[in-house]
C-alpha atoms as a PDB file:
ATOM      1  CA  MET A   1      84.532  91.403  64.149  1.00  0.00           C
ATOM      2  CA  LEU A   2      84.992  87.694  63.594  1.00  0.00           C
ATOM      3  CA  GLU A   3      82.535  85.929  61.318  1.00  0.00           C
ATOM      4  CA  VAL A   4      82.588  82.163  60.824  1.00  0.00           C
ATOM      5  CA  VAL A   5      80.587  80.972  57.837  1.00  0.00           C
ATOM      6  CA  THR A   6      79.827  77.262  58.080  1.00  0.00           C
ATOM      7  CA  ASP A   7      78.691  74.962  55.290  1.00  0.00           C
ATOM      8  CA  VAL A   8      77.365  71.736  56.822  1.00  0.00           C
ATOM      9  CA  GLY A   9      77.376  68.885  54.309  1.00  0.00           C
ATOM     10  CA  ALA A  10      75.344  65.713  54.207  1.00  0.00           C
ATOM     11  CA  GLY A  11      76.053  63.302  57.026  1.00  0.00           C
ATOM     12  CA  TRP A  12      77.033  66.070  59.457  1.00  0.00           C
ATOM     13  CA  LYS A  13      73.477  66.917  60.457  1.00  0.00           C
ATOM     14  CA  GLY A  14      72.002  65.251  63.529  1.00  0.00           C
ATOM     15  CA  ASP A  15      71.563  66.884  66.913  1.00  0.00           C
ATOM     16  CA  THR A  16      74.832  68.835  66.893  1.00  0.00           C
ATOM     17  CA  ASN A  17      74.763  72.564  66.189  1.00  0.00           C
ATOM     18  CA  TRP A  18      77.788  72.455  63.877  1.00  0.00           C
ATOM     19  CA  GLU A  19      77.598  76.174  63.126  1.00  0.00           C
ATOM     20  CA  MET A  20      77.961  77.055  66.823  1.00  0.00           C
ATOM     21  CA  LEU A  21      80.665  74.415  67.295  1.00  0.00           C
ATOM     22  CA  ALA A  22      82.686  75.920  64.416  1.00  0.00           C
ATOM     23  CA  GLN A  23      82.173  79.479  65.716  1.00  0.00           C
ATOM     24  CA  ASP A  24      83.299  78.502  69.218  1.00  0.00           C
ATOM     25  CA  ALA A  25      86.312  76.531  67.966  1.00  0.00           C
ATOM     26  CA  VAL A  26      87.573  79.339  65.716  1.00  0.00           C
ATOM     27  CA  ALA A  27      87.055  81.973  68.419  1.00  0.00           C
ATOM     28  CA  ALA A  28      88.864  79.826  71.012  1.00  0.00           C
ATOM     29  CA  ALA A  29      91.820  79.314  68.664  1.00  0.00           C
ATOM     30  CA  ILE A  30      92.159  82.985  67.792  1.00  0.00           C
ATOM     31  CA  GLU A  31      91.845  83.995  71.452  1.00  0.00           C
ATOM     32  CA  GLN A  32      95.052  82.074  72.223  1.00  0.00           C
ATOM     33  CA  THR A  33      97.116  84.030  69.704  1.00  0.00           C
ATOM     34  CA  PRO A  34      98.447  87.577  69.374  1.00  0.00           C
ATOM     35  CA  HIS A  35      95.541  88.111  66.946  1.00  0.00           C
ATOM     36  CA  ALA A  36      92.800  87.916  69.579  1.00  0.00           C
ATOM     37  CA  GLU A  37      91.669  91.414  68.543  1.00  0.00           C
ATOM     38  CA  PHE A  38      90.247  89.910  65.316  1.00  0.00           C
ATOM     39  CA  ALA A  39      87.144  89.072  67.358  1.00  0.00           C
ATOM     40  CA  THR A  40      86.399  92.703  68.217  1.00  0.00           C
ATOM     41  CA  MET A  41      88.013  94.992  65.651  1.00  0.00           C
ATOM     42  CA  PRO A  42      85.750  96.918  63.244  1.00  0.00           C
ATOM     43  CA  VAL A  43      87.058  95.088  60.179  1.00  0.00           C
ATOM     44  CA  ARG A  44      85.105  91.897  59.508  1.00  0.00           C
ATOM     45  CA  VAL A  45      87.477  88.917  59.563  1.00  0.00           C
ATOM     46  CA  GLU A  46      85.808  85.940  57.916  1.00  0.00           C
ATOM     47  CA  ILE A  47      86.738  82.279  58.148  1.00  0.00           C
ATOM     48  CA  SER A  48      84.873  79.669  56.156  1.00  0.00           C
ATOM     49  CA  VAL A  49      84.420  76.199  57.657  1.00  0.00           C
ATOM     50  CA  LYS A  50      83.160  73.481  55.338  1.00  0.00           C
ATOM     51  CA  LEU A  51      82.107  70.157  56.817  1.00  0.00           C
ATOM     52  CA  SER A  52      82.493  67.891  53.818  1.00  0.00           C
ATOM     53  CA  ASP A  53      83.339  64.280  53.068  1.00  0.00           C
ATOM     54  CA  ASP A  54      86.366  62.142  52.256  1.00  0.00           C
ATOM     55  CA  ALA A  55      85.790  62.308  48.485  1.00  0.00           C
ATOM     56  CA  GLU A  56      85.907  66.105  48.319  1.00  0.00           C
ATOM     57  CA  VAL A  57      88.792  66.382  50.757  1.00  0.00           C
ATOM     58  CA  GLN A  58      90.751  63.768  48.788  1.00  0.00           C
ATOM     59  CA  GLU A  59      90.210  65.805  45.619  1.00  0.00           C
ATOM     60  CA  LEU A  60      91.353  69.019  47.330  1.00  0.00           C
ATOM     61  CA  ASN A  61      94.312  67.258  48.929  1.00  0.00           C
ATOM     62  CA  ARG A  62      95.341  65.881  45.537  1.00  0.00           C
ATOM     63  CA  ASP A  63      94.866  69.149  43.679  1.00  0.00           C
ATOM     64  CA  TYR A  64      96.492  71.481  46.208  1.00  0.00           C
ATOM     65  CA  ARG A  65      98.967  69.313  48.103  1.00  0.00           C
ATOM     66  CA  GLY A  66      99.770  66.537  45.625  1.00  0.00           C
ATOM     67  CA  LYS A  67      98.532  63.860  48.052  1.00  0.00           C
ATOM     68  CA  ASP A  68      95.855  61.653  46.498  1.00  0.00           C
ATOM     69  CA  LYS A  69      94.167  60.562  49.723  1.00  0.00           C
ATOM     70  CA  PRO A  70      91.666  62.004  52.172  1.00  0.00           C
ATOM     71  CA  THR A  71      92.874  63.695  55.326  1.00  0.00           C
ATOM     72  CA  ASN A  72      91.009  64.927  58.378  1.00  0.00           C
ATOM     73  CA  VAL A  73      91.368  68.687  57.841  1.00  0.00           C
ATOM     74  CA  LEU A  74      92.707  71.053  55.217  1.00  0.00           C
ATOM     75  CA  SER A  75      93.365  74.760  55.666  1.00  0.00           C
ATOM     76  CA  PHE A  76      93.616  77.304  52.894  1.00  0.00           C
ATOM     77  CA  PRO A  77      95.008  80.623  54.175  1.00  0.00           C
ATOM     78  CA  MET A  78      94.095  83.693  52.138  1.00  0.00           C
ATOM     79  CA  VAL A  79      96.373  86.125  54.012  1.00  0.00           C
ATOM     80  CA  GLN A  80     100.128  85.770  54.226  1.00  0.00           C
ATOM     81  CA  PRO A  81     101.285  85.446  57.861  1.00  0.00           C
ATOM     82  CA  ASP A  82     103.446  88.577  57.630  1.00  0.00           C
ATOM     83  CA  LEU A  83     100.375  90.627  56.668  1.00  0.00           C
ATOM     84  CA  LEU A  84      98.150  89.518  59.579  1.00  0.00           C
ATOM     85  CA  ASP A  85      99.283  92.339  61.865  1.00  0.00           C
ATOM     86  CA  GLY A  86      98.062  94.925  59.358  1.00  0.00           C
ATOM     87  CA  LEU A  87      94.503  93.640  59.037  1.00  0.00           C
ATOM     88  CA  SER A  88      93.096  96.283  61.368  1.00  0.00           C
ATOM     89  CA  ASN A  89      94.203  98.877  58.801  1.00  0.00           C
ATOM     90  CA  SER A  90      92.209  97.299  55.971  1.00  0.00           C
ATOM     91  CA  ASP A  91      90.210  99.929  54.113  1.00  0.00           C
ATOM     92  CA  ASP A  92      87.644  97.607  52.561  1.00  0.00           C
ATOM     93  CA  GLY A  93      85.986  96.604  55.834  1.00  0.00           C
ATOM     94  CA  GLU A  94      86.378  92.874  55.428  1.00  0.00           C
ATOM     95  CA  VAL A  95      89.097  90.275  55.078  1.00  0.00           C
ATOM     96  CA  LEU A  96      88.725  86.615  54.156  1.00  0.00           C
ATOM     97  CA  LEU A  97      91.281  84.938  56.398  1.00  0.00           C
ATOM     98  CA  GLY A  98      90.801  81.534  54.777  1.00  0.00           C
ATOM     99  CA  ASP A  99      88.980  78.237  54.538  1.00  0.00           C
ATOM    100  CA  ILE A 100      88.955  75.113  56.696  1.00  0.00           C
ATOM    101  CA  VAL A 101      87.572  71.848  55.292  1.00  0.00           C
ATOM    102  CA  LEU A 102      86.891  68.673  57.310  1.00  0.00           C
ATOM    103  CA  ALA A 103      86.264  65.157  55.976  1.00  0.00           C
ATOM    104  CA  ARG A 104      83.357  63.470  57.776  1.00  0.00           C
ATOM    105  CA  GLU A 105      84.360  59.820  57.339  1.00  0.00           C
ATOM    106  CA  THR A 106      87.963  60.426  58.412  1.00  0.00           C
ATOM    107  CA  VAL A 107      86.897  62.572  61.378  1.00  0.00           C
ATOM    108  CA  THR A 108      84.389  59.936  62.501  1.00  0.00           C
ATOM    109  CA  ARG A 109      86.898  57.083  62.148  1.00  0.00           C
ATOM    110  CA  GLU A 110      89.668  58.974  63.988  1.00  0.00           C
ATOM    111  CA  ALA A 111      87.269  59.972  66.774  1.00  0.00           C
ATOM    112  CA  ALA A 112      86.303  56.312  67.286  1.00  0.00           C
ATOM    113  CA  ASP A 113      89.985  55.292  67.299  1.00  0.00           C
ATOM    114  CA  LYS A 114      90.756  57.971  69.896  1.00  0.00           C
ATOM    115  CA  ARG A 115      87.638  57.114  71.896  1.00  0.00           C
ATOM    116  CA  VAL A 116      86.373  60.686  71.787  1.00  0.00           C
ATOM    117  CA  SER A 117      83.178  62.132  70.375  1.00  0.00           C
ATOM    118  CA  ALA A 118      83.106  63.249  66.763  1.00  0.00           C
ATOM    119  CA  GLU A 119      82.129  66.702  68.047  1.00  0.00           C
ATOM    120  CA  HIS A 120      85.244  66.973  70.226  1.00  0.00           C
ATOM    121  CA  HIS A 121      87.512  65.704  67.467  1.00  0.00           C
ATOM    122  CA  ALA A 122      85.955  68.088  64.913  1.00  0.00           C
ATOM    123  CA  THR A 123      86.396  70.949  67.383  1.00  0.00           C
ATOM    124  CA  HIS A 124      90.081  70.066  67.746  1.00  0.00           C
ATOM    125  CA  LEU A 125      90.525  69.948  63.976  1.00  0.00           C
ATOM    126  CA  ILE A 126      88.793  73.311  63.483  1.00  0.00           C
ATOM    127  CA  VAL A 127      91.047  74.842  66.165  1.00  0.00           C
ATOM    128  CA  HIS A 128      94.034  73.274  64.390  1.00  0.00           C
ATOM    129  CA  GLY A 129      92.878  74.610  61.023  1.00  0.00           C
ATOM    130  CA  ALA A 130      92.267  78.104  62.391  1.00  0.00           C
ATOM    131  CA  LEU A 131      95.802  78.205  63.770  1.00  0.00           C
ATOM    132  CA  HIS A 132      97.115  77.266  60.318  1.00  0.00           C
ATOM    133  CA  LEU A 133      95.194  80.241  58.898  1.00  0.00           C
ATOM    134  CA  LEU A 134      97.080  82.421  61.387  1.00  0.00           C
ATOM    135  CA  GLY A 135     100.447  81.184  60.169  1.00  0.00           C
ATOM    136  CA  TYR A 136     101.155  78.410  62.668  1.00  0.00           C
ATOM    137  CA  ASP A 137     102.765  75.346  61.126  1.00  0.00           C
ATOM    138  CA  HIS A 138     103.576  72.075  62.891  1.00  0.00           C
ATOM    139  CA  GLU A 139     105.568  70.794  59.915  1.00  0.00           C
ATOM    140  CA  GLN A 140     108.385  73.352  60.278  1.00  0.00           C
ATOM    141  CA  GLY A 141     110.135  71.607  63.155  1.00  0.00           C
ATOM    142  CA  GLU A 142     109.605  70.250  66.634  1.00  0.00           C
ATOM    143  CA  ALA A 143     109.601  73.637  68.381  1.00  0.00           C
ATOM    144  CA  GLU A 144     106.892  74.982  66.062  1.00  0.00           C
ATOM    145  CA  ALA A 145     104.850  71.798  66.473  1.00  0.00           C
ATOM    146  CA  GLU A 146     105.043  72.029  70.262  1.00  0.00           C
ATOM    147  CA  ALA A 147     104.069  75.711  70.208  1.00  0.00           C
ATOM    148  CA  MET A 148     101.060  74.990  67.992  1.00  0.00           C
ATOM    149  CA  GLU A 149      99.988  72.031  70.136  1.00  0.00           C
ATOM    150  CA  ALA A 150     100.199  74.205  73.276  1.00  0.00           C
ATOM    151  CA  LEU A 151      97.831  76.727  71.669  1.00  0.00           C
ATOM    152  CA  GLU A 152      95.477  73.910  70.670  1.00  0.00           C
ATOM    153  CA  ARG A 153      95.476  72.513  74.216  1.00  0.00           C
ATOM    154  CA  ALA A 154      94.714  75.942  75.697  1.00  0.00           C
ATOM    155  CA  ALA A 155      91.916  76.647  73.219  1.00  0.00           C
ATOM    156  CA  LEU A 156      90.339  73.243  73.792  1.00  0.00           C
ATOM    157  CA  ALA A 157      90.677  73.518  77.576  1.00  0.00           C
ATOM    158  CA  GLY A 158      88.749  76.785  77.355  1.00  0.00           C
ATOM    159  CA  LEU A 159      85.979  74.826  75.633  1.00  0.00           C
ATOM    160  CA  GLY A 160      86.024  72.059  78.242  1.00  0.00           C
ATOM    161  CA  ILE A 161      87.747  69.534  75.959  1.00  0.00           C
ATOM    162  CA  SER A 162      90.622  67.460  77.287  1.00  0.00           C
ATOM    163  CA  ASP A 163      94.132  67.385  75.831  1.00  0.00           C
ATOM    164  CA  PRO A 164      93.982  65.563  72.477  1.00  0.00           C
ATOM    165  CA  TYR A 165      97.733  64.860  72.611  1.00  0.00           C
ATOM    166  CA  ARG A 166      97.737  63.179  76.000  1.00  0.00           C
ATOM    167  CA  VAL A 167      98.838  59.586  75.661  1.00  0.00           C
ATOM    168  CA  ALA A 168      96.517  57.332  77.615  1.00  0.00           C
ATOM    169  CA  GLU A 169      98.154  54.497  79.517  1.00  0.00           C
ATOM    170  CA  ALA A 170      96.858  51.082  78.583  1.00  0.00           C
END
């Protein structure tokens, strides 16, 4: 069973149901992968999504990646990719797959630049982060980046969100 625990920070409130958005985004991402069974297997697979701010994300980015600047999303996998296939055999009933953290100011600014809603951009970033938790990595070469982007496009299409990588003609 897939459980998404969402911590919605200040500034993310409003009319959007961020908990449901995070749940849907994570489920859509996982559904596109060979690990789709995480949604229905008896072991509880937990992903934490924290909707934070630039200051916290900058601190995390500095401390864990050596980059002293905010970024839109960070992912912290708790399970090595080569161990993902064995999760259904876990004997403790639950597995923390990892954490995803978004920075509100950066997400809002990027959404405005892309002329998309903050909700759609946040959904894309949560999908992206969930794929990182499953071992996908766009920084390991062009082929891996294209494969990850294809999964993102499919997950987002299933949620009714258009291709975030499509280049609009001016």
